[in-house]
């Protein structure tokens, strides 16, 4: 059994110890590649790995827990220990991390009045029940029990959100009561209010920043924080759809600030390896408008999205070696890349046709995704028009995030973000035949993962639909989440300018990493062999979806593409990324 202590410095089994860590999110890397990424971390000279634990990844529905396969965080920790790495775990209910809803489960939003990150009874009850499942799994992996975990985080950047000390105390005490006995930490921006609001007795404070290390550490020291640690040294940044180009930071400048941190204290590189927000788990930000993040979480990190070593990696490694001598020499086989050519479209069918054959929920008023028991994806709302001669305007009240509106199977409007919050006036009134079918396909683009808007993230239509000057009552609602998409079986061929599902196939002779390019397609979601790869959107910057080799099959592979703009194009499996 060992011991990790925080006093005037960090001490490992009684000796001073410098934490040199890198972030790898196990939930953004297929488990077959965990060892590869961890070996590359060690080969750079790091001695510790850090990861968040997203609540919604492990409890997708209330009381339904998953800690196996690609959800087996304990196995990730055990591999790190086997490789001689220490581990920092950040299991707080909220993680941010550009992850859907900052890690909160969507089902929390089904309850009216739910409040987050404060001492609100229903919220506290739910996250403590989650802790009852999670923390007993982690407790045996602490250094005090022979494992590699040396620190755990209580809350994440809480000083940028609130100041409820009762809540922070309950988090701290809840972790201790469930067997956590390693040092507890928080992380906040190195600013006065952030540090004071995020502070809780008995919990060590760290800072999050990406530049000006000397100044940031000096300010933290002025605030009485010692020893000094940067829990998130942002060596890159993330991309959102429509941002223009893939984020890049100056590698030499980033490495210099990293070296300053090594001279002054302790550091965790965020991200050492970013990976991929597979599925529909990308987060969003919202300031003056909604900015959902792309599927790739490459982050301009030290390893690329597929784990390749970068110039930045070598510069950071050199900074460590200047101070600590040569890093371990480890033979790590390179993971091959392959191009498999064109995927052939074998069937296409209008999406609404496929969905309306499934079981619906019937209600007088439209219901949000969360009230329907749906977490992610699309929701189709359908009704019959019997009283309208024309459509002059339409308003979706309480709707998020993007809606494609169809009349008798033809797209008549597409509304996004701000446009959903106001009445949409048709330039030319749209004629309506009695008995016409109005369909509204609403997409959850990724719940906000940062700021006070966390509590306003219901998706779909949460209130009503106003047509011309009256509310429309009587709706059938159809769920289209990842599991539904994976089960769709398009038949025939269609080139209708409407949302559609398409089946494509390609052949793999030998499995390797590859990238899916979709020239000519508009916007949508891709399912590969039943696994949701993520989203694509022609506006970029990301132009290709990463496919790790373990997701492929030797022989025939199947792509199911849900496309919402009524566009079709070609599909190619290529041997290099294009992040824009």
Protein backbone atom coordinates (compact mmCIF):
# COMPACT_ATOMS: atom_id res chain seq x y z
CA UNK A 1 0.00 0.00 0.00
CA UNK A 2 1.21 3.50 -0.74
CA UNK A 3 0.48 7.10 0.13
CA UNK A 4 0.20 10.34 -1.79
CA UNK A 5 0.19 13.56 0.25
CA UNK A 6 -0.20 17.27 -0.47
CA UNK A 7 1.73 19.44 1.99
CA UNK A 8 4.21 22.17 1.04
CA UNK A 9 4.70 20.00 -2.04
CA UNK A 10 3.51 16.66 -3.39
CA UNK A 11 4.87 13.59 -1.63
CA UNK A 12 4.74 10.02 -2.88
CA UNK A 13 5.47 7.50 -0.15
CA UNK A 14 7.24 10.21 1.82
CA UNK A 15 9.45 11.56 -0.97
CA UNK A 16 8.90 14.77 -2.94
CA UNK A 17 7.24 14.00 -6.24
CA UNK A 18 6.50 16.07 -9.35
CA UNK A 19 3.32 15.20 -11.20
CA UNK A 20 3.82 15.37 -14.98
CA UNK A 21 0.53 14.23 -16.41
CA UNK A 22 -1.44 14.09 -19.64
CA UNK A 23 -5.17 13.84 -20.31
CA UNK A 24 -6.55 10.84 -22.19
CA UNK A 25 -10.32 10.35 -22.16
CA UNK A 26 -10.96 6.60 -22.25
CA UNK A 27 -14.48 7.35 -23.48
CA UNK A 28 -13.08 9.04 -26.62
CA UNK A 29 -10.76 6.16 -27.55
CA UNK A 30 -11.72 2.61 -28.50
CA UNK A 31 -10.48 0.27 -25.73
CA UNK A 32 -8.24 -1.63 -28.14
CA UNK A 33 -6.13 1.55 -28.36
CA UNK A 34 -5.95 2.47 -24.66
CA UNK A 35 -2.59 0.75 -24.26
CA UNK A 36 -1.12 2.43 -27.35
CA UNK A 37 -2.06 5.93 -26.15
CA UNK A 38 -0.84 5.28 -22.60
CA UNK A 39 2.49 3.90 -23.85
CA UNK A 40 3.02 7.06 -25.90
CA UNK A 41 2.31 9.14 -22.80
CA UNK A 42 4.95 7.24 -20.85
CA UNK A 43 7.41 7.39 -23.75
CA UNK A 44 7.19 11.20 -23.68
CA UNK A 45 8.36 11.21 -20.07
CA UNK A 46 5.05 11.65 -18.23
CA UNK A 47 4.44 9.73 -15.02
CA UNK A 48 0.67 10.22 -14.66
CA UNK A 49 -2.49 10.05 -16.75
CA UNK A 50 -5.66 12.02 -16.06
CA UNK A 51 -9.21 11.33 -17.17
CA UNK A 52 -12.70 12.62 -16.54
CA UNK A 53 -15.58 10.21 -15.95
CA UNK A 54 -18.81 11.31 -17.70
CA UNK A 55 -21.96 10.47 -15.74
CA UNK A 56 -24.11 10.20 -18.87
CA UNK A 57 -21.69 7.68 -20.38
CA UNK A 58 -22.19 5.30 -17.48
CA UNK A 59 -25.86 5.92 -16.56
CA UNK A 60 -27.58 6.68 -19.89
CA UNK A 61 -30.99 6.04 -18.33
CA UNK A 62 -31.92 6.34 -14.66
CA UNK A 63 -30.71 3.26 -12.79
CA UNK A 64 -29.20 1.69 -15.93
CA UNK A 65 -25.43 1.46 -15.45
CA UNK A 66 -22.71 0.39 -17.88
CA UNK A 67 -19.13 -0.28 -16.77
CA UNK A 68 -18.12 -2.92 -19.31
CA UNK A 69 -16.34 -2.93 -22.68
CA UNK A 70 -15.58 0.58 -23.86
CA UNK A 71 -17.19 1.83 -20.62
CA UNK A 72 -14.75 -0.07 -18.38
CA UNK A 73 -12.91 2.82 -16.74
CA UNK A 74 -11.43 0.45 -14.16
CA UNK A 75 -9.71 -1.52 -16.90
CA UNK A 76 -8.25 1.72 -18.28
CA UNK A 77 -6.88 2.48 -14.80
CA UNK A 78 -5.46 -1.04 -14.47
CA UNK A 79 -3.66 -0.77 -17.82
CA UNK A 80 -2.15 2.54 -16.70
CA UNK A 81 -0.90 0.86 -13.51
CA UNK A 82 0.53 -2.05 -15.47
CA UNK A 83 2.53 0.44 -17.53
CA UNK A 84 3.86 2.21 -14.42
CA UNK A 85 1.67 5.31 -14.63
CA UNK A 86 -0.14 7.03 -11.76
CA UNK A 87 -3.72 8.19 -12.31
CA UNK A 88 -5.76 11.30 -11.58
CA UNK A 89 -9.52 10.67 -11.74
CA UNK A 90 -12.09 13.44 -12.17
CA UNK A 91 -15.45 11.80 -11.36
CA UNK A 92 -17.49 14.89 -10.46
CA UNK A 93 -21.10 14.91 -11.74
CA UNK A 94 -20.17 17.79 -14.07
CA UNK A 95 -17.07 17.59 -16.29
CA UNK A 96 -17.53 20.15 -19.13
CA UNK A 97 -14.93 18.54 -21.50
CA UNK A 98 -16.85 19.67 -24.61
CA UNK A 99 -18.96 16.58 -23.89
CA UNK A 100 -22.73 16.40 -24.27
CA UNK A 101 -24.40 18.31 -21.42
CA UNK A 102 -21.08 18.50 -19.57
CA UNK A 103 -21.57 14.86 -18.55
CA UNK A 104 -25.02 15.23 -17.05
CA UNK A 105 -27.55 12.56 -18.09
CA UNK A 106 -30.29 13.94 -20.34
CA UNK A 107 -33.00 12.24 -18.29
CA UNK A 108 -32.45 14.75 -15.48
CA UNK A 109 -34.22 17.29 -17.70
CA UNK A 110 -37.48 15.33 -17.75
CA UNK A 111 -38.27 16.75 -14.31
CA UNK A 112 -39.68 20.29 -14.14
CA UNK A 113 -37.62 22.69 -12.06
CA UNK A 114 -34.44 20.62 -12.03
CA UNK A 115 -31.45 22.65 -10.84
CA UNK A 116 -27.83 21.66 -11.37
CA UNK A 117 -24.59 22.11 -9.45
CA UNK A 118 -26.20 23.36 -6.26
CA UNK A 119 -27.73 22.00 -3.08
CA UNK A 120 -31.04 21.11 -4.75
CA UNK A 121 -32.54 17.94 -3.31
CA UNK A 122 -33.64 16.04 -6.44
CA UNK A 123 -30.30 16.70 -8.15
CA UNK A 124 -28.30 15.73 -5.07
CA UNK A 125 -30.28 12.52 -4.71
CA UNK A 126 -29.52 11.48 -8.30
CA UNK A 127 -25.79 12.15 -8.31
CA UNK A 128 -25.30 10.48 -4.92
CA UNK A 129 -27.09 7.39 -6.27
CA UNK A 130 -24.63 7.47 -9.18
CA UNK A 131 -21.74 7.81 -6.73
CA UNK A 132 -23.07 4.70 -4.95
CA UNK A 133 -22.38 2.77 -8.16
CA UNK A 134 -19.21 4.48 -9.34
CA UNK A 135 -17.04 5.20 -6.32
CA UNK A 136 -16.97 1.68 -4.80
CA UNK A 137 -15.52 0.55 -8.15
CA UNK A 138 -12.75 3.15 -7.96
CA UNK A 139 -11.96 2.93 -4.24
CA UNK A 140 -9.91 -0.32 -4.50
CA UNK A 141 -7.81 1.30 -7.25
CA UNK A 142 -6.52 4.10 -5.00
CA UNK A 143 -2.85 4.15 -4.02
CA UNK A 144 -3.93 3.54 -0.43
CA UNK A 145 -5.28 0.16 -1.56
CA UNK A 146 -2.44 -0.80 -3.86
CA UNK A 147 -3.78 0.93 -6.98
CA UNK A 148 -2.48 3.83 -9.08
CA UNK A 149 -5.05 6.58 -8.31
CA UNK A 150 -3.36 9.43 -6.42
CA UNK A 151 -5.96 12.22 -6.63
CA UNK A 152 -9.66 12.69 -7.35
CA UNK A 153 -11.53 15.84 -8.31
CA UNK A 154 -14.59 17.05 -6.40
CA UNK A 155 -15.98 19.61 -8.89
CA UNK A 156 -14.81 21.11 -12.15
CA UNK A 157 -14.41 24.85 -12.73
CA UNK A 158 -17.18 25.43 -10.23
CA UNK A 159 -16.03 29.00 -9.59
CA UNK A 160 -17.13 29.84 -13.15
CA UNK A 161 -20.66 28.65 -12.35
CA UNK A 162 -21.73 29.13 -8.74
CA UNK A 163 -20.80 29.63 -5.10
CA UNK A 164 -22.85 27.07 -3.16
CA UNK A 165 -20.48 25.86 -0.45
CA UNK A 166 -23.09 23.44 0.96
CA UNK A 167 -23.11 21.72 -2.42
CA UNK A 168 -19.31 21.49 -2.59
CA UNK A 169 -19.19 20.20 0.97
CA UNK A 170 -21.80 17.54 0.16
CA UNK A 171 -19.74 16.44 -2.85
CA UNK A 172 -16.59 16.20 -0.74
CA UNK A 173 -18.32 14.33 2.08
CA UNK A 174 -20.14 12.05 -0.36
CA UNK A 175 -16.85 10.95 -1.88
CA UNK A 176 -15.21 10.36 1.50
CA UNK A 177 -18.23 8.41 2.77
CA UNK A 178 -17.93 6.08 -0.21
CA UNK A 179 -14.33 5.13 0.47
CA UNK A 180 -12.31 7.82 -1.26
CA UNK A 181 -9.24 8.54 0.87
CA UNK A 182 -6.72 9.98 -1.59
CA UNK A 183 -6.32 13.79 -1.73
CA UNK A 184 -9.33 15.59 -3.17
CA UNK A 185 -8.90 18.53 -5.54
CA UNK A 186 -10.82 21.19 -7.46
CA UNK A 187 -9.76 23.08 -10.58
CA UNK A 188 -10.66 26.66 -11.49
CA UNK A 189 -9.45 29.52 -13.61
CA UNK A 190 -6.72 31.53 -11.84
CA UNK A 191 -8.94 34.56 -11.15
CA UNK A 192 -10.10 35.99 -7.83
CA UNK A 193 -13.82 35.12 -7.94
CA UNK A 194 -13.29 31.78 -9.65
CA UNK A 195 -10.82 30.60 -7.04
CA UNK A 196 -12.88 31.82 -4.07
CA UNK A 197 -16.20 30.48 -5.40
CA UNK A 198 -14.64 27.10 -6.17
CA UNK A 199 -12.93 26.73 -2.81
CA UNK A 200 -14.01 24.14 -0.23
CA UNK A 201 -12.37 23.22 3.07
CA UNK A 202 -10.06 20.24 3.01
CA UNK A 203 -9.82 20.17 -0.80
CA UNK A 204 -6.68 21.22 -2.69
CA UNK A 205 -7.10 23.87 -5.40
CA UNK A 206 -5.51 23.69 -8.83
CA UNK A 207 -5.71 26.04 -11.83
CA UNK A 208 -6.77 25.69 -15.44
CA UNK A 209 -5.08 27.79 -18.14
CA UNK A 210 -3.31 27.57 -21.46
CA UNK A 211 -0.72 30.34 -21.54
CA UNK A 212 1.29 32.82 -19.43
CA UNK A 213 2.22 30.11 -16.94
CA UNK A 214 4.50 32.28 -14.83
CA UNK A 215 1.81 34.95 -14.37
CA UNK A 216 -0.97 32.41 -13.67
CA UNK A 217 1.10 30.56 -11.07
CA UNK A 218 2.22 33.86 -9.49
CA UNK A 219 -1.41 34.90 -9.03
CA UNK A 220 -2.36 31.54 -7.53
CA UNK A 221 0.55 31.88 -5.11
CA UNK A 222 -0.70 35.37 -4.13
CA UNK A 223 -4.05 33.75 -3.35
CA UNK A 224 -2.27 31.42 -0.92
CA UNK A 225 -2.31 28.31 -3.08
CA UNK A 226 0.73 26.06 -2.72
CA UNK A 227 2.04 23.81 -4.08
CA UNK A 228 1.21 24.99 -7.61
CA UNK A 229 -0.51 22.76 -10.12
CA UNK A 230 -2.17 23.38 -13.46
CA UNK A 231 -4.83 20.69 -13.76
CA UNK A 232 -5.63 21.64 -17.36
CA UNK A 233 -2.81 23.10 -19.40
CA UNK A 234 -4.66 23.79 -22.66
CA UNK A 235 -2.13 22.91 -25.34
CA UNK A 236 -4.75 23.27 -28.10
CA UNK A 237 -8.44 23.96 -28.58
CA UNK A 238 -11.63 22.44 -29.96
CA UNK A 239 -13.60 23.14 -33.15
CA UNK A 240 -17.27 23.92 -33.64
CA UNK A 241 -19.26 23.53 -36.83
CA UNK A 242 -18.85 26.56 -39.06
CA UNK A 243 -15.80 27.96 -37.22
CA UNK A 244 -13.86 28.19 -40.49
CA UNK A 245 -10.77 26.10 -39.84
CA UNK A 246 -9.30 23.56 -37.45
CA UNK A 247 -7.83 25.13 -34.31
CA UNK A 248 -4.04 25.33 -34.11
CA UNK A 249 -1.80 26.71 -31.39
CA UNK A 250 1.85 27.60 -31.78
CA UNK A 251 3.73 24.48 -30.73
CA UNK A 252 6.95 26.21 -29.67
CA UNK A 253 5.15 28.80 -27.53
CA UNK A 254 3.00 26.09 -25.95
CA UNK A 255 6.07 24.00 -25.15
CA UNK A 256 7.85 26.98 -23.55
CA UNK A 257 4.91 27.64 -21.18
CA UNK A 258 4.85 23.92 -20.41
CA UNK A 259 8.55 24.09 -19.49
CA UNK A 260 7.84 27.04 -17.16
CA UNK A 261 5.23 24.92 -15.39
CA UNK A 262 7.77 22.13 -14.91
CA UNK A 263 10.11 24.64 -13.26
CA UNK A 264 7.43 26.07 -10.96
CA UNK A 265 5.15 23.20 -9.99
CA UNK A 266 3.06 20.37 -11.36
CA UNK A 267 1.08 20.01 -14.56
CA UNK A 268 -1.51 18.00 -16.46
CA UNK A 269 -1.56 18.51 -20.23
CA UNK A 270 -5.07 18.96 -21.61
CA UNK A 271 -5.25 17.23 -24.00
CA UNK A 272 -2.33 14.87 -24.43
CA UNK A 273 -4.62 12.91 -26.74
CA UNK A 274 -8.09 14.20 -27.60
CA UNK A 275 -9.65 11.36 -29.57
CA UNK A 276 -13.19 11.39 -30.91
CA UNK A 277 -16.63 12.28 -29.53
CA UNK A 278 -18.20 9.17 -31.03
CA UNK A 279 -21.95 8.87 -31.24
CA UNK A 280 -23.92 12.04 -30.61
CA UNK A 281 -21.91 13.03 -27.54
CA UNK A 282 -20.34 16.29 -28.68
CA UNK A 283 -21.11 19.27 -26.49
CA UNK A 284 -21.99 22.83 -27.46
CA UNK A 285 -21.32 26.32 -26.24
CA UNK A 286 -23.79 29.16 -26.17
CA UNK A 287 -22.92 32.81 -25.84
CA UNK A 288 -24.68 34.92 -28.46
CA UNK A 289 -25.52 31.82 -30.52
CA UNK A 290 -25.38 28.03 -30.43
CA UNK A 291 -22.00 26.60 -31.47
CA UNK A 292 -22.08 22.77 -31.40
CA UNK A 293 -18.71 21.04 -31.51
CA UNK A 294 -17.59 18.78 -34.33
CA UNK A 295 -17.27 15.01 -33.93
CA UNK A 296 -13.46 15.07 -33.85
CA UNK A 297 -11.81 16.00 -30.55
CA UNK A 298 -8.35 16.18 -32.11
CA UNK A 299 -7.85 19.37 -30.04
CA UNK A 300 -4.51 20.06 -31.80
CA UNK A 301 -3.18 17.83 -29.02
CA UNK A 302 0.21 16.14 -28.70
CA UNK A 303 -1.18 13.05 -30.42
CA UNK A 304 -3.48 13.35 -33.42
CA UNK A 305 -7.04 12.05 -33.34
CA UNK A 306 -5.77 8.65 -34.48
CA UNK A 307 -2.82 8.64 -32.06
CA UNK A 308 0.06 9.79 -34.28
CA UNK A 309 2.99 11.66 -32.71
CA UNK A 310 3.18 15.38 -33.59
CA UNK A 311 5.82 18.10 -33.60
CA UNK A 312 4.21 19.39 -30.40
CA UNK A 313 4.74 15.98 -28.75
CA UNK A 314 8.46 16.11 -29.55
CA UNK A 315 8.82 19.67 -28.24
CA UNK A 316 7.07 18.79 -24.98
CA UNK A 317 9.19 15.66 -24.66
CA UNK A 318 12.32 17.78 -25.07
CA UNK A 319 11.20 20.08 -22.22
CA UNK A 320 10.79 17.08 -19.91
CA UNK A 321 14.14 15.59 -20.93
CA UNK A 322 15.93 18.90 -20.29
CA UNK A 323 14.95 18.58 -16.66
CA UNK A 324 14.62 14.84 -16.04
CA UNK A 325 16.95 13.19 -18.50
CA UNK A 326 16.03 10.81 -21.32
CA UNK A 327 12.48 9.51 -21.45
CA UNK A 328 11.92 5.74 -21.54
CA UNK A 329 12.60 4.14 -24.92
CA UNK A 330 9.53 2.06 -25.74
CA UNK A 331 8.92 0.16 -28.96
CA UNK A 332 5.35 1.03 -29.97
CA UNK A 333 4.15 -0.49 -33.26
CA UNK A 334 2.59 2.04 -35.61
CA UNK A 335 -1.11 1.52 -36.28
CA UNK A 336 -1.58 1.30 -40.06
CA UNK A 337 -3.84 3.49 -42.16
CA UNK A 338 -5.67 2.23 -45.24
CA UNK A 339 -7.86 3.55 -48.04
CA UNK A 340 -10.64 1.15 -49.03
CA UNK A 341 -12.08 3.11 -51.92
CA UNK A 342 -15.68 3.99 -52.58
CA UNK A 343 -18.66 2.80 -50.57
CA UNK A 344 -21.59 1.89 -52.81
CA UNK A 345 -25.11 3.14 -52.07
CA UNK A 346 -27.44 0.15 -52.23
CA UNK A 347 -30.70 1.52 -50.83
CA UNK A 348 -32.33 4.85 -49.94
CA UNK A 349 -35.70 5.74 -48.45
CA UNK A 350 -37.27 8.92 -47.05
CA UNK A 351 -36.58 9.05 -43.32
CA UNK A 352 -40.08 10.17 -42.35
CA UNK A 353 -41.52 7.19 -44.22
CA UNK A 354 -39.36 4.82 -42.19
CA UNK A 355 -40.05 6.51 -38.87
CA UNK A 356 -43.83 6.83 -39.22
CA UNK A 357 -44.08 3.08 -39.64
CA UNK A 358 -42.76 2.71 -36.12
CA UNK A 359 -44.67 3.08 -32.87
CA UNK A 360 -45.53 6.67 -32.03
CA UNK A 361 -46.37 8.63 -28.90
CA UNK A 362 -49.65 10.48 -29.37
CA UNK A 363 -50.32 13.66 -27.44
CA UNK A 364 -52.35 16.84 -27.72
CA UNK A 365 -49.21 18.98 -27.50
CA UNK A 366 -45.71 18.18 -28.73
CA UNK A 367 -43.36 16.88 -26.03
CA UNK A 368 -39.64 17.40 -25.59
CA UNK A 369 -37.17 14.58 -26.22
CA UNK A 370 -36.59 14.15 -22.51
CA UNK A 371 -40.31 13.81 -21.74
CA UNK A 372 -40.44 11.15 -24.44
CA UNK A 373 -37.64 9.24 -22.73
CA UNK A 374 -35.20 10.09 -25.53
CA UNK A 375 -31.67 11.34 -24.92
CA UNK A 376 -30.04 12.08 -28.28
CA UNK A 377 -30.69 12.22 -32.00
CA UNK A 378 -33.79 13.41 -33.83
CA UNK A 379 -37.48 13.55 -32.97
CA UNK A 380 -40.13 13.57 -35.69
CA UNK A 381 -43.37 15.43 -34.96
CA UNK A 382 -46.27 14.72 -37.35
CA UNK A 383 -49.80 16.12 -37.63
CA UNK A 384 -52.59 16.44 -40.19
CA UNK A 385 -53.73 19.89 -41.35
CA UNK A 386 -57.49 20.19 -41.79
CA UNK A 387 -58.31 23.87 -41.19
CA UNK A 388 -55.52 25.75 -42.96
CA UNK A 389 -55.74 26.95 -46.57
CA UNK A 390 -52.14 28.13 -46.52
CA UNK A 391 -49.12 28.40 -44.27
CA UNK A 392 -48.20 32.05 -43.71
CA UNK A 393 -46.07 31.64 -40.61
CA UNK A 394 -45.01 28.99 -38.14
CA UNK A 395 -43.42 29.15 -34.70
CA UNK A 396 -41.95 26.31 -32.64
CA UNK A 397 -42.30 27.35 -29.01
CA UNK A 398 -39.65 26.08 -26.60
CA UNK A 399 -37.77 24.27 -29.36
CA UNK A 400 -34.07 23.32 -29.68
CA UNK A 401 -31.85 23.02 -31.78
CA UNK A 402 -32.57 22.62 -35.51
CA UNK A 403 -35.80 21.81 -37.31
CA UNK A 404 -36.48 20.65 -40.85
CA UNK A 405 -40.15 21.33 -41.68
CA UNK A 406 -41.89 19.30 -44.39
CA UNK A 407 -45.32 19.50 -45.96
CA UNK A 408 -46.43 16.28 -47.66
CA UNK A 409 -42.80 15.11 -47.73
CA UNK A 410 -41.30 18.30 -49.20
CA UNK A 411 -38.97 20.58 -47.21
CA UNK A 412 -40.54 24.03 -46.83
CA UNK A 413 -38.23 25.52 -44.16
CA UNK A 414 -35.16 24.78 -42.05
CA UNK A 415 -34.85 26.67 -38.75
CA UNK A 416 -31.83 26.81 -36.44
CA UNK A 417 -31.23 28.24 -32.97
CA UNK A 418 -32.48 31.87 -32.93
CA UNK A 419 -34.84 31.18 -35.84
CA UNK A 420 -36.63 28.60 -33.68
CA UNK A 421 -37.41 31.19 -31.01
CA UNK A 422 -39.44 33.51 -33.24
CA UNK A 423 -42.20 33.22 -35.82
CA UNK A 424 -40.99 32.19 -39.26
CA UNK A 425 -42.82 34.10 -41.99
CA UNK A 426 -42.92 32.38 -45.38
CA UNK A 427 -41.99 34.80 -48.15
CA UNK A 428 -44.76 33.32 -50.24
CA UNK A 429 -47.65 31.61 -48.41
CA UNK A 430 -47.48 27.83 -48.89
CA UNK A 431 -50.77 26.35 -50.22
CA UNK A 432 -52.22 23.56 -48.07
CA UNK A 433 -54.53 20.79 -49.25
CA UNK A 434 -57.01 19.54 -46.68
CA UNK A 435 -55.50 16.49 -45.00
CA UNK A 436 -51.92 17.49 -45.77
CA UNK A 437 -49.29 16.06 -43.45
CA UNK A 438 -47.03 18.48 -41.62
CA UNK A 439 -43.81 16.92 -40.30
CA UNK A 440 -41.13 18.58 -38.19
CA UNK A 441 -37.82 16.77 -37.75
CA UNK A 442 -35.99 18.32 -34.79
CA UNK A 443 -32.33 17.56 -34.12
CA UNK A 444 -30.47 17.74 -30.83
CA UNK A 445 -27.14 19.23 -31.95
CA UNK A 446 -25.46 18.58 -28.59
CA UNK A 447 -26.46 20.03 -25.24
CA UNK A 448 -24.52 22.98 -23.89
CA UNK A 449 -21.62 21.84 -21.69
CA UNK A 450 -20.70 25.16 -20.04
CA UNK A 451 -22.38 28.15 -18.33
CA UNK A 452 -25.76 28.82 -16.77
CA UNK A 453 -27.59 27.57 -19.88
CA UNK A 454 -27.16 24.03 -18.56
CA UNK A 455 -30.65 24.29 -17.10
CA UNK A 456 -32.24 25.21 -20.44
CA UNK A 457 -31.27 22.22 -22.55
CA UNK A 458 -34.49 20.38 -23.31
CA UNK A 459 -34.45 19.32 -26.94
CA UNK A 460 -37.18 18.78 -29.49
CA UNK A 461 -40.32 20.87 -29.00
CA UNK A 462 -41.13 21.49 -25.35
CA UNK A 463 -44.21 23.69 -25.59
CA UNK A 464 -46.16 24.00 -28.83
CA UNK A 465 -46.44 24.79 -32.51
CA UNK A 466 -48.22 27.95 -33.63
CA UNK A 467 -49.45 27.93 -37.24
CA UNK A 468 -50.52 31.25 -38.67
CA UNK A 469 -52.24 32.60 -35.53
CA UNK A 470 -53.42 29.45 -33.75
CA UNK A 471 -51.86 26.58 -31.84
CA UNK A 472 -51.90 23.24 -33.58
CA UNK A 473 -53.02 20.37 -31.35
CA UNK A 474 -52.79 16.63 -31.95
CA UNK A 475 -49.31 15.24 -32.63
CA UNK A 476 -47.69 11.90 -33.28
CA UNK A 477 -44.06 11.77 -32.14
CA UNK A 478 -41.40 9.32 -33.33
CA UNK A 479 -38.02 8.76 -31.68
CA UNK A 480 -34.91 8.54 -33.87
CA UNK A 481 -31.94 7.98 -31.59
CA UNK A 482 -28.76 5.96 -32.25
CA UNK A 483 -30.43 2.60 -31.64
CA UNK A 484 -33.34 3.43 -33.94
CA UNK A 485 -30.97 4.63 -36.67
CA UNK A 486 -28.94 1.43 -36.36
CA UNK A 487 -32.13 -0.60 -36.89
CA UNK A 488 -33.37 1.27 -39.99
CA UNK A 489 -33.54 -0.79 -43.17
CA UNK A 490 -34.06 1.48 -46.17
CA UNK A 491 -35.60 -0.18 -49.21
CA UNK A 492 -35.61 0.93 -52.83
CA UNK A 493 -34.05 4.13 -54.13
CA UNK A 494 -35.01 7.74 -53.66
CA UNK A 495 -33.53 11.05 -54.70
CA UNK A 496 -36.32 13.05 -53.06
CA UNK A 497 -35.14 16.39 -51.69
CA UNK A 498 -36.09 15.41 -48.16
CA UNK A 499 -34.45 13.76 -45.13
CA UNK A 500 -33.56 10.18 -45.98
CA UNK A 501 -31.80 7.07 -44.72
CA UNK A 502 -29.25 5.43 -46.97
CA UNK A 503 -27.45 2.09 -46.83
CA UNK A 504 -23.96 1.85 -48.29
CA UNK A 505 -21.47 -1.01 -48.29
CA UNK A 506 -17.72 -1.38 -48.72
CA UNK A 507 -15.26 -4.25 -48.40
CA UNK A 508 -12.27 -4.56 -46.09
CA UNK A 509 -9.54 -7.09 -46.80
CA UNK A 510 -7.34 -6.20 -43.82
CA UNK A 511 -8.42 -3.94 -40.96
CA UNK A 512 -6.66 -0.59 -40.49
CA UNK A 513 -7.56 2.95 -39.47
CA UNK A 514 -9.43 4.87 -42.16
CA UNK A 515 -11.49 8.03 -42.71
CA UNK A 516 -14.93 8.45 -44.24
CA UNK A 517 -15.28 11.33 -46.71
CA UNK A 518 -18.77 12.34 -47.85
CA UNK A 519 -18.46 14.83 -50.75
CA UNK A 520 -21.83 16.09 -51.94
CA UNK A 521 -23.77 15.15 -48.80
CA UNK A 522 -25.27 17.85 -46.60
CA UNK A 523 -25.72 17.11 -42.92
CA UNK A 524 -26.42 14.06 -40.85
CA UNK A 525 -25.27 11.09 -38.80
CA UNK A 526 -23.31 7.96 -39.74
CA UNK A 527 -23.76 4.46 -38.28
CA UNK A 528 -21.04 1.92 -39.10
CA UNK A 529 -21.85 -1.76 -38.47
CA UNK A 530 -24.32 -0.66 -35.79
CA UNK A 531 -21.87 1.77 -34.10
CA UNK A 532 -22.60 5.51 -34.26
CA UNK A 533 -19.50 7.25 -35.63
CA UNK A 534 -20.91 10.74 -35.18
CA UNK A 535 -22.12 13.71 -37.18
CA UNK A 536 -21.06 15.27 -40.47
CA UNK A 537 -21.96 18.67 -41.91
CA UNK A 538 -20.82 20.17 -45.16
CA UNK A 539 -20.09 23.55 -43.51
CA UNK A 540 -16.99 22.01 -41.86
CA UNK A 541 -14.32 22.50 -40.81
CA UNK A 542 -14.19 18.73 -40.27
CA UNK A 543 -14.62 16.96 -43.60
CA UNK A 544 -13.91 13.31 -42.73
CA UNK A 545 -14.94 10.98 -39.92
CA UNK A 546 -12.28 8.87 -38.23
CA UNK A 547 -12.87 5.10 -38.21
CA UNK A 548 -10.55 3.11 -35.91
CA UNK A 549 -9.68 -0.34 -37.24
CA UNK A 550 -11.45 -2.24 -34.41
CA UNK A 551 -14.81 -0.90 -35.65
CA UNK A 552 -14.36 -2.56 -39.03
CA UNK A 553 -15.10 -6.11 -40.13
CA UNK A 554 -13.07 -8.12 -42.57
CA UNK A 555 -15.33 -8.54 -45.56
CA UNK A 556 -18.46 -6.45 -46.07
CA UNK A 557 -19.10 -3.39 -43.90
CA UNK A 558 -22.34 -1.43 -43.76
CA UNK A 559 -22.86 2.31 -43.43
CA UNK A 560 -26.27 3.71 -42.51
CA UNK A 561 -26.37 7.42 -43.26
CA UNK A 562 -29.20 9.61 -41.99
CA UNK A 563 -29.09 12.78 -44.07
CA UNK A 564 -31.46 15.66 -43.26
CA UNK A 565 -30.98 18.15 -46.12
CA UNK A 566 -32.16 16.03 -49.04
CA UNK A 567 -28.66 15.75 -50.49
CA UNK A 568 -26.72 12.71 -51.61
CA UNK A 569 -23.19 12.35 -52.87
CA UNK A 570 -20.33 9.90 -52.86
CA UNK A 571 -18.62 8.13 -49.97
CA UNK A 572 -14.94 7.23 -49.85
CA UNK A 573 -12.78 5.44 -47.29
CA UNK A 574 -9.44 7.30 -47.32
CA UNK A 575 -6.11 6.94 -45.53
CA UNK A 576 -5.74 10.42 -44.02
CA UNK A 577 -7.85 12.92 -42.08
CA UNK A 578 -9.19 16.29 -43.19
CA UNK A 579 -10.05 18.47 -40.20
CA UNK A 580 -10.22 21.62 -42.30
